[in-house]
């Protein structure tokens, strides 16, 4: 058994920020697809461009959500690493098992 006694604060922040940005991109794409369908249904029913706001909102989600999700996940990673480091001081670290294979 090996023991982890400290986690790099920025290291965990960057890792979680990157993962959060990927999730944000995924949800942005899903929201964009849904807004495309909503805008096309609104246009087909009314013949006007009332659904254009939803379409712009959906396309903007591809850009905004990765930034928001990544930023919040980065901050969460920093706080998590800081609190984990404090807890490891009091409780003696985290035991992990490593293998060569």
C-alpha atoms as a PDB file:
ATOM      1  CA  UNK A   1       0.000   0.000   0.000  1.00  0.00           C
ATOM      2  CA  UNK A   2       1.089   3.513  -0.787  1.00  0.00           C
ATOM      3  CA  UNK A   3      -0.170   6.613   0.957  1.00  0.00           C
ATOM      4  CA  UNK A   4      -1.205   9.928  -0.590  1.00  0.00           C
ATOM      5  CA  UNK A   5      -0.463  12.713   1.858  1.00  0.00           C
ATOM      6  CA  UNK A   6      -1.039  15.765  -0.348  1.00  0.00           C
ATOM      7  CA  UNK A   7      -3.003  16.656  -3.484  1.00  0.00           C
ATOM      8  CA  UNK A   8      -1.806  19.437  -5.789  1.00  0.00           C
ATOM      9  CA  UNK A   9      -4.441  22.159  -5.521  1.00  0.00           C
ATOM     10  CA  UNK A  10      -4.017  23.558  -9.034  1.00  0.00           C
ATOM     11  CA  UNK A  11      -3.518  20.095 -10.456  1.00  0.00           C
ATOM     12  CA  UNK A  12      -6.915  18.909  -9.235  1.00  0.00           C
ATOM     13  CA  UNK A  13      -8.473  22.229 -10.221  1.00  0.00           C
ATOM     14  CA  UNK A  14      -7.215  21.921 -13.808  1.00  0.00           C
ATOM     15  CA  UNK A  15      -8.308  18.297 -14.035  1.00  0.00           C
ATOM     16  CA  UNK A  16     -11.808  19.000 -12.771  1.00  0.00           C
ATOM     17  CA  UNK A  17     -12.048  22.154 -14.886  1.00  0.00           C
ATOM     18  CA  UNK A  18     -11.244  20.180 -18.019  1.00  0.00           C
ATOM     19  CA  UNK A  19     -13.765  17.486 -17.174  1.00  0.00           C
ATOM     20  CA  UNK A  20     -16.372  20.150 -16.397  1.00  0.00           C
ATOM     21  CA  UNK A  21     -15.734  21.857 -19.742  1.00  0.00           C
ATOM     22  CA  UNK A  22     -16.272  18.557 -21.578  1.00  0.00           C
ATOM     23  CA  UNK A  23     -19.557  18.039 -19.733  1.00  0.00           C
ATOM     24  CA  UNK A  24     -20.524  21.632 -20.535  1.00  0.00           C
ATOM     25  CA  UNK A  25     -19.823  21.059 -24.217  1.00  0.00           C
ATOM     26  CA  UNK A  26     -21.920  17.884 -24.181  1.00  0.00           C
ATOM     27  CA  UNK A  27     -24.877  19.604 -22.502  1.00  0.00           C
ATOM     28  CA  UNK A  28     -24.459  22.613 -24.815  1.00  0.00           C
ATOM     29  CA  UNK A  29     -24.735  20.381 -27.870  1.00  0.00           C
ATOM     30  CA  UNK A  30     -27.804  18.637 -26.423  1.00  0.00           C
ATOM     31  CA  UNK A  31     -29.432  21.989 -25.662  1.00  0.00           C
ATOM     32  CA  UNK A  32     -28.627  23.235 -29.163  1.00  0.00           C
ATOM     33  CA  UNK A  33     -30.223  20.193 -30.791  1.00  0.00           C
ATOM     34  CA  UNK A  34     -33.329  20.598 -28.633  1.00  0.00           C
ATOM     35  CA  UNK A  35     -33.553  24.314 -29.480  1.00  0.00           C
ATOM     36  CA  UNK A  36     -33.194  23.555 -33.207  1.00  0.00           C
ATOM     37  CA  UNK A  37     -36.165  21.209 -32.977  1.00  0.00           C
ATOM     38  CA  UNK A  38     -38.148  23.726 -30.939  1.00  0.00           C
ATOM     39  CA  UNK A  39     -37.418  26.549 -33.376  1.00  0.00           C
ATOM     40  CA  UNK A  40     -38.358  24.432 -36.382  1.00  0.00           C
ATOM     41  CA  UNK A  41     -41.627  23.352 -34.744  1.00  0.00           C
ATOM     42  CA  UNK A  42     -42.445  26.975 -33.860  1.00  0.00           C
ATOM     43  CA  UNK A  43     -41.704  28.081 -37.428  1.00  0.00           C
ATOM     44  CA  UNK A  44     -43.772  25.249 -38.911  1.00  0.00           C
ATOM     45  CA  UNK A  45     -46.785  26.027 -36.712  1.00  0.00           C
ATOM     46  CA  UNK A  46     -46.823  29.814 -36.868  1.00  0.00           C
ATOM     47  CA  UNK A  47     -44.837  30.615 -39.997  1.00  0.00           C
ATOM     48  CA  UNK A  48     -42.991  33.373 -38.134  1.00  0.00           C
ATOM     49  CA  UNK A  49     -39.571  33.567 -36.604  1.00  0.00           C
ATOM     50  CA  UNK A  50     -40.774  33.622 -32.994  1.00  0.00           C
ATOM     51  CA  UNK A  51     -38.544  30.652 -32.197  1.00  0.00           C
ATOM     52  CA  UNK A  52     -35.437  32.555 -33.283  1.00  0.00           C
ATOM     53  CA  UNK A  53     -34.646  33.584 -29.691  1.00  0.00           C
ATOM     54  CA  UNK A  54     -34.619  29.937 -28.615  1.00  0.00           C
ATOM     55  CA  UNK A  55     -32.378  29.078 -31.532  1.00  0.00           C
ATOM     56  CA  UNK A  56     -29.887  31.813 -30.627  1.00  0.00           C
ATOM     57  CA  UNK A  57     -30.039  30.693 -26.994  1.00  0.00           C
ATOM     58  CA  UNK A  58     -29.299  27.101 -28.018  1.00  0.00           C
ATOM     59  CA  UNK A  59     -26.344  27.989 -30.223  1.00  0.00           C
ATOM     60  CA  UNK A  60     -24.967  30.249 -27.496  1.00  0.00           C
ATOM     61  CA  UNK A  61     -25.119  27.320 -25.069  1.00  0.00           C
ATOM     62  CA  UNK A  62     -22.321  25.591 -27.004  1.00  0.00           C
ATOM     63  CA  UNK A  63     -20.023  28.477 -26.097  1.00  0.00           C
ATOM     64  CA  UNK A  64     -21.326  29.517 -22.684  1.00  0.00           C
ATOM     65  CA  UNK A  65     -21.886  26.169 -20.936  1.00  0.00           C
ATOM     66  CA  UNK A  66     -18.325  24.826 -21.328  1.00  0.00           C
ATOM     67  CA  UNK A  67     -16.951  28.062 -19.879  1.00  0.00           C
ATOM     68  CA  UNK A  68     -19.395  28.058 -16.953  1.00  0.00           C
ATOM     69  CA  UNK A  69     -19.141  24.335 -16.207  1.00  0.00           C
ATOM     70  CA  UNK A  70     -15.349  24.407 -16.576  1.00  0.00           C
ATOM     71  CA  UNK A  71     -14.968  27.486 -14.378  1.00  0.00           C
ATOM     72  CA  UNK A  72     -17.186  26.201 -11.592  1.00  0.00           C
ATOM     73  CA  UNK A  73     -15.567  22.754 -11.714  1.00  0.00           C
ATOM     74  CA  UNK A  74     -12.120  24.382 -11.536  1.00  0.00           C
ATOM     75  CA  UNK A  75     -13.136  26.284  -8.400  1.00  0.00           C
ATOM     76  CA  UNK A  76     -14.672  23.148  -6.939  1.00  0.00           C
ATOM     77  CA  UNK A  77     -11.438  21.253  -7.590  1.00  0.00           C
ATOM     78  CA  UNK A  78      -9.386  23.905  -5.815  1.00  0.00           C
ATOM     79  CA  UNK A  79     -11.685  23.881  -2.784  1.00  0.00           C
ATOM     80  CA  UNK A  80     -11.828  20.066  -2.746  1.00  0.00           C
ATOM     81  CA  UNK A  81      -8.042  19.716  -2.866  1.00  0.00           C
ATOM     82  CA  UNK A  82      -7.598  22.324  -0.130  1.00  0.00           C
ATOM     83  CA  UNK A  83     -10.097  20.622   2.179  1.00  0.00           C
ATOM     84  CA  UNK A  84      -8.702  17.170   1.365  1.00  0.00           C
ATOM     85  CA  UNK A  85      -5.184  18.334   2.228  1.00  0.00           C
ATOM     86  CA  UNK A  86      -6.412  19.629   5.565  1.00  0.00           C
ATOM     87  CA  UNK A  87      -8.231  16.375   6.263  1.00  0.00           C
ATOM     88  CA  UNK A  88      -5.169  14.301   5.314  1.00  0.00           C
ATOM     89  CA  UNK A  89      -3.094  16.169   7.884  1.00  0.00           C
ATOM     90  CA  UNK A  90      -5.475  15.147  10.640  1.00  0.00           C
ATOM     91  CA  UNK A  91      -6.345  11.642   9.468  1.00  0.00           C
ATOM     92  CA  UNK A  92      -3.013  10.491   8.073  1.00  0.00           C
ATOM     93  CA  UNK A  93      -3.533  10.452   4.334  1.00  0.00           C
ATOM     94  CA  UNK A  94      -5.268   8.226   1.814  1.00  0.00           C
ATOM     95  CA  UNK A  95      -4.116   4.663   1.223  1.00  0.00           C
ATOM     96  CA  UNK A  96      -4.081   3.441  -2.371  1.00  0.00           C
ATOM     97  CA  UNK A  97      -2.914   0.204  -3.942  1.00  0.00           C
ATOM     98  CA  UNK A  98      -0.766   0.356  -7.082  1.00  0.00           C
ATOM     99  CA  UNK A  99       0.046  -2.512  -9.416  1.00  0.00           C
ATOM    100  CA  UNK A 100       2.667  -2.931 -12.137  1.00  0.00           C
ATOM    101  CA  UNK A 101       0.329  -4.472 -14.702  1.00  0.00           C
END
